[in-house]
């Protein structure tokens, strides 16, 4: 993989989508990607409820990216989340 600048791009320039509301509680959707044991997991915005465990291995990511992912990277909506995940699965 090498260095992946997409992490920096999405964390520094993430768009705020105030129109993306869920139907249930009228809350803004949001997702966290957190690295656990060198794999990426996806959590709901509460940062506790796990939505998915991926097979994306971050062992080849830069130290800066690993540290960011271990602390968690927040995405405002599913589109941003999927763009990031897809960029790391090829």
Foldseek 3Di string as FASTA:
>chain_A
DAEDCLLVCCQVPADADQPQADPPPRDQWKWKWADDPQWTWIATPVVPHTDDTDPQGCPNYDPVVNVDRNVIGMHRDPVSVVVVVVVRPD
